[in-house]
C-alpha atoms as a PDB file:
ATOM      1  CA  MET A   1     102.507 113.329  75.086  1.00  0.00           C
ATOM      2  CA  GLU A   2     100.487 116.202  76.487  1.00  0.00           C
ATOM      3  CA  LYS A   3     102.722 119.266  76.734  1.00  0.00           C
ATOM      4  CA  SER A   4     100.554 120.918  79.404  1.00  0.00           C
ATOM      5  CA  LYS A   5     100.898 118.031  81.854  1.00  0.00           C
ATOM      6  CA  LYS A   6     103.729 117.635  84.330  1.00  0.00           C
ATOM      7  CA  ILE A   7     105.324 114.207  84.329  1.00  0.00           C
ATOM      8  CA  ILE A   8     106.238 112.255  87.437  1.00  0.00           C
ATOM      9  CA  LEU A   9     108.874 109.600  86.806  1.00  0.00           C
ATOM     10  CA  PHE A  10     109.059 107.072  89.627  1.00  0.00           C
ATOM     11  CA  ASP A  11     110.737 103.795  90.522  1.00  0.00           C
ATOM     12  CA  GLY A  12     108.138 101.357  89.238  1.00  0.00           C
ATOM     13  CA  VAL A  13     109.218  98.460  91.454  1.00  0.00           C
ATOM     14  CA  CYS A  14     109.424 100.439  94.717  1.00  0.00           C
ATOM     15  CA  ASN A  15     106.455  99.999  97.062  1.00  0.00           C
ATOM     16  CA  LEU A  16     106.998 103.441  98.641  1.00  0.00           C
ATOM     17  CA  CYS A  17     107.159 105.091  95.210  1.00  0.00           C
ATOM     18  CA  ASN A  18     104.023 103.289  94.007  1.00  0.00           C
ATOM     19  CA  SER A  19     102.172 104.316  97.173  1.00  0.00           C
ATOM     20  CA  SER A  20     103.333 107.902  96.651  1.00  0.00           C
ATOM     21  CA  VAL A  21     102.005 107.885  93.080  1.00  0.00           C
ATOM     22  CA  GLN A  22      98.655 106.529  94.318  1.00  0.00           C
ATOM     23  CA  PHE A  23      98.625 109.296  96.947  1.00  0.00           C
ATOM     24  CA  VAL A  24      99.200 111.979  94.281  1.00  0.00           C
ATOM     25  CA  ILE A  25      96.628 110.508  91.869  1.00  0.00           C
ATOM     26  CA  LYS A  26      93.927 110.647  94.576  1.00  0.00           C
ATOM     27  CA  ARG A  27      94.699 114.303  95.329  1.00  0.00           C
ATOM     28  CA  ASP A  28      95.387 115.556  91.781  1.00  0.00           C
ATOM     29  CA  LYS A  29      91.961 117.178  91.445  1.00  0.00           C
ATOM     30  CA  LYS A  30      93.100 119.497  88.620  1.00  0.00           C
ATOM     31  CA  ASP A  31      94.577 116.600  86.580  1.00  0.00           C
ATOM     32  CA  VAL A  32      98.030 118.234  86.512  1.00  0.00           C
ATOM     33  CA  PHE A  33     100.166 115.086  86.343  1.00  0.00           C
ATOM     34  CA  ARG A  34     100.994 112.150  84.112  1.00  0.00           C
ATOM     35  CA  TYR A  35     103.114 109.221  85.281  1.00  0.00           C
ATOM     36  CA  ALA A  36     105.768 106.851  83.963  1.00  0.00           C
ATOM     37  CA  ALA A  37     108.063 104.352  85.610  1.00  0.00           C
ATOM     38  CA  LEU A  38     111.758 105.174  85.341  1.00  0.00           C
ATOM     39  CA  GLN A  39     112.267 101.618  84.074  1.00  0.00           C
ATOM     40  CA  SER A  40     109.800 102.051  81.195  1.00  0.00           C
ATOM     41  CA  GLU A  41     110.767 102.917  77.635  1.00  0.00           C
ATOM     42  CA  VAL A  42     109.078 106.327  77.957  1.00  0.00           C
ATOM     43  CA  GLY A  43     110.778 106.944  81.312  1.00  0.00           C
ATOM     44  CA  GLN A  44     114.198 106.112  79.899  1.00  0.00           C
ATOM     45  CA  GLN A  45     113.575 108.317  76.858  1.00  0.00           C
ATOM     46  CA  LEU A  46     112.588 111.305  79.040  1.00  0.00           C
ATOM     47  CA  VAL A  47     115.610 110.808  81.311  1.00  0.00           C
ATOM     48  CA  ASN A  48     118.026 110.470  78.378  1.00  0.00           C
ATOM     49  CA  GLN A  49     116.647 113.568  76.622  1.00  0.00           C
ATOM     50  CA  ARG A  50     117.468 115.584  79.743  1.00  0.00           C
ATOM     51  CA  HIS A  51     120.814 113.875  80.423  1.00  0.00           C
ATOM     52  CA  ILE A  52     119.729 112.887  83.940  1.00  0.00           C
ATOM     53  CA  ASP A  53     122.120 110.482  85.639  1.00  0.00           C
ATOM     54  CA  THR A  54     119.822 107.859  87.178  1.00  0.00           C
ATOM     55  CA  SER A  55     122.712 106.448  89.202  1.00  0.00           C
ATOM     56  CA  LYS A  56     122.398 109.646  91.266  1.00  0.00           C
ATOM     57  CA  VAL A  57     118.604 110.081  91.014  1.00  0.00           C
ATOM     58  CA  ASP A  58     116.701 106.826  90.942  1.00  0.00           C
ATOM     59  CA  SER A  59     113.485 107.424  92.825  1.00  0.00           C
ATOM     60  CA  ILE A  60     111.479 110.488  91.690  1.00  0.00           C
ATOM     61  CA  ILE A  61     111.804 113.085  88.969  1.00  0.00           C
ATOM     62  CA  LEU A  62     109.244 115.747  88.079  1.00  0.00           C
ATOM     63  CA  ILE A  63     109.378 117.060  84.524  1.00  0.00           C
ATOM     64  CA  GLU A  64     107.619 120.254  83.547  1.00  0.00           C
ATOM     65  CA  PRO A  65     107.863 119.999  79.727  1.00  0.00           C
ATOM     66  CA  GLY A  66     109.520 122.989  78.106  1.00  0.00           C
ATOM     67  CA  VAL A  67     110.314 124.516  81.503  1.00  0.00           C
ATOM     68  CA  ALA A  68     112.498 122.444  83.844  1.00  0.00           C
ATOM     69  CA  TYR A  69     112.861 119.219  85.736  1.00  0.00           C
ATOM     70  CA  PHE A  70     113.128 118.667  89.470  1.00  0.00           C
ATOM     71  CA  THR A  71     114.705 115.836  91.408  1.00  0.00           C
ATOM     72  CA  LYS A  72     114.667 114.454  94.933  1.00  0.00           C
ATOM     73  CA  SER A  73     113.194 116.773  97.590  1.00  0.00           C
ATOM     74  CA  ASP A  74     112.656 119.594  95.065  1.00  0.00           C
ATOM     75  CA  ALA A  75     110.471 117.250  92.994  1.00  0.00           C
ATOM     76  CA  ALA A  76     108.471 116.184  96.063  1.00  0.00           C
ATOM     77  CA  LEU A  77     107.888 119.804  97.127  1.00  0.00           C
ATOM     78  CA  GLU A  78     106.888 120.901  93.613  1.00  0.00           C
ATOM     79  CA  ILE A  79     104.407 118.030  93.411  1.00  0.00           C
ATOM     80  CA  ALA A  80     102.928 118.933  96.812  1.00  0.00           C
ATOM     81  CA  LYS A  81     102.615 122.576  95.740  1.00  0.00           C
ATOM     82  CA  ASP A  82     100.638 121.545  92.643  1.00  0.00           C
ATOM     83  CA  LEU A  83      98.237 119.452  94.716  1.00  0.00           C
ATOM     84  CA  GLY A  84      96.983 122.689  96.248  1.00  0.00           C
ATOM     85  CA  GLY A  85      95.024 122.998  99.458  1.00  0.00           C
ATOM     86  CA  ILE A  86      96.860 122.132 102.641  1.00  0.00           C
ATOM     87  CA  TRP A  87      99.688 120.551 100.608  1.00  0.00           C
ATOM     88  CA  LYS A  88     100.819 124.044  99.554  1.00  0.00           C
ATOM     89  CA  LEU A  89     102.035 124.468 103.139  1.00  0.00           C
ATOM     90  CA  SER A  90     104.883 122.098 102.327  1.00  0.00           C
ATOM     91  CA  ALA A  91     106.521 125.123 100.669  1.00  0.00           C
ATOM     92  CA  ILE A  92     107.808 126.000 104.139  1.00  0.00           C
ATOM     93  CA  PHE A  93     110.364 123.201 103.683  1.00  0.00           C
ATOM     94  CA  THR A  94     112.006 125.171 100.857  1.00  0.00           C
ATOM     95  CA  TRP A  95     113.511 127.286 103.631  1.00  0.00           C
ATOM     96  CA  ILE A  96     115.598 124.272 104.621  1.00  0.00           C
ATOM     97  CA  PRO A  97     118.749 124.191 102.479  1.00  0.00           C
ATOM     98  CA  THR A  98     118.478 121.753  99.579  1.00  0.00           C
ATOM     99  CA  SER A  99     121.590 119.886 100.725  1.00  0.00           C
ATOM    100  CA  ILE A 100     119.948 119.075 104.082  1.00  0.00           C
ATOM    101  CA  ARG A 101     116.588 118.152 102.477  1.00  0.00           C
ATOM    102  CA  ASN A 102     118.326 115.924  99.937  1.00  0.00           C
ATOM    103  CA  SER A 103     120.429 114.221 102.617  1.00  0.00           C
ATOM    104  CA  ILE A 104     117.208 113.137 104.332  1.00  0.00           C
ATOM    105  CA  TYR A 105     115.646 112.244 100.988  1.00  0.00           C
ATOM    106  CA  ASP A 106     118.701 110.179  99.981  1.00  0.00           C
ATOM    107  CA  PHE A 107     118.652 108.328 103.322  1.00  0.00           C
ATOM    108  CA  VAL A 108     115.027 107.299 102.796  1.00  0.00           C
ATOM    109  CA  ALA A 109     115.637 106.496  99.103  1.00  0.00           C
ATOM    110  CA  LYS A 110     118.646 104.333  99.958  1.00  0.00           C
ATOM    111  CA  ASN A 111     116.605 102.313 102.451  1.00  0.00           C
ATOM    112  CA  ARG A 112     113.247 102.282 100.643  1.00  0.00           C
ATOM    113  CA  TYR A 113     113.426  98.667  99.485  1.00  0.00           C
ATOM    114  CA  LYS A 114     114.526  97.438 102.911  1.00  0.00           C
ATOM    115  CA  TRP A 115     111.805  99.393 104.743  1.00  0.00           C
ATOM    116  CA  PHE A 116     108.897  99.229 102.274  1.00  0.00           C
ATOM    117  CA  GLY A 117     109.736  96.309  99.987  1.00  0.00           C
ATOM    118  CA  LYS A 118     110.013  95.885  96.270  1.00  0.00           C
ATOM    119  CA  LYS A 119     107.765  94.478  93.540  1.00  0.00           C
ATOM    120  CA  GLU A 120     108.891  91.934  90.971  1.00  0.00           C
ATOM    121  CA  SER A 121     107.656  94.170  88.153  1.00  0.00           C
ATOM    122  CA  CYS A 122     106.315  97.674  87.592  1.00  0.00           C
ATOM    123  CA  MET A 123     102.818  98.576  88.726  1.00  0.00           C
ATOM    124  CA  ILE A 124     100.090  97.980  86.163  1.00  0.00           C
ATOM    125  CA  PRO A 125      97.495 100.746  86.390  1.00  0.00           C
ATOM    126  CA  THR A 126      93.820  99.910  86.527  1.00  0.00           C
ATOM    127  CA  PRO A 127      91.849 100.596  83.327  1.00  0.00           C
ATOM    128  CA  GLU A 128      90.435 103.784  84.940  1.00  0.00           C
ATOM    129  CA  LEU A 129      93.934 105.111  85.644  1.00  0.00           C
ATOM    130  CA  LYS A 130      95.597 103.926  82.407  1.00  0.00           C
ATOM    131  CA  ALA A 131      95.098 107.320  80.682  1.00  0.00           C
ATOM    132  CA  LYS A 132      97.246 108.991  83.349  1.00  0.00           C
ATOM    133  CA  PHE A 133     100.249 106.785  82.523  1.00  0.00           C
ATOM    134  CA  LEU A 134     102.515 107.447  79.564  1.00  0.00           C
ATOM    135  CA  ASP A 135     103.605 103.872  78.926  1.00  0.00           C
END
């Protein structure tokens, strides 16, 4: 595993999560991120090493190896910040208290399957994208 890369763990069967990963991949011009489904062996290993309770966080986790990990709205804002350009403006949302941001995040996360659907299995990356995935 590359220590210099930040790792995005995502719900591999969630259509919204998969679309979000595709969105980030297209805009990750500096090749900052690597990806793994929460359901994968690598995803479970990373979560267990950090003692993250996936019953409370089951949609997106950003791991900055050797530094910290971020969950929910903090993860989304950190990812946006690393995309650079206009996405850095999302930092303005850090002024909103985390509890309020996470309430909105949790509402969307709770309804994501109902609103956006669910896959039968985790996304399989194309051969071109395979190197960006850890599993």
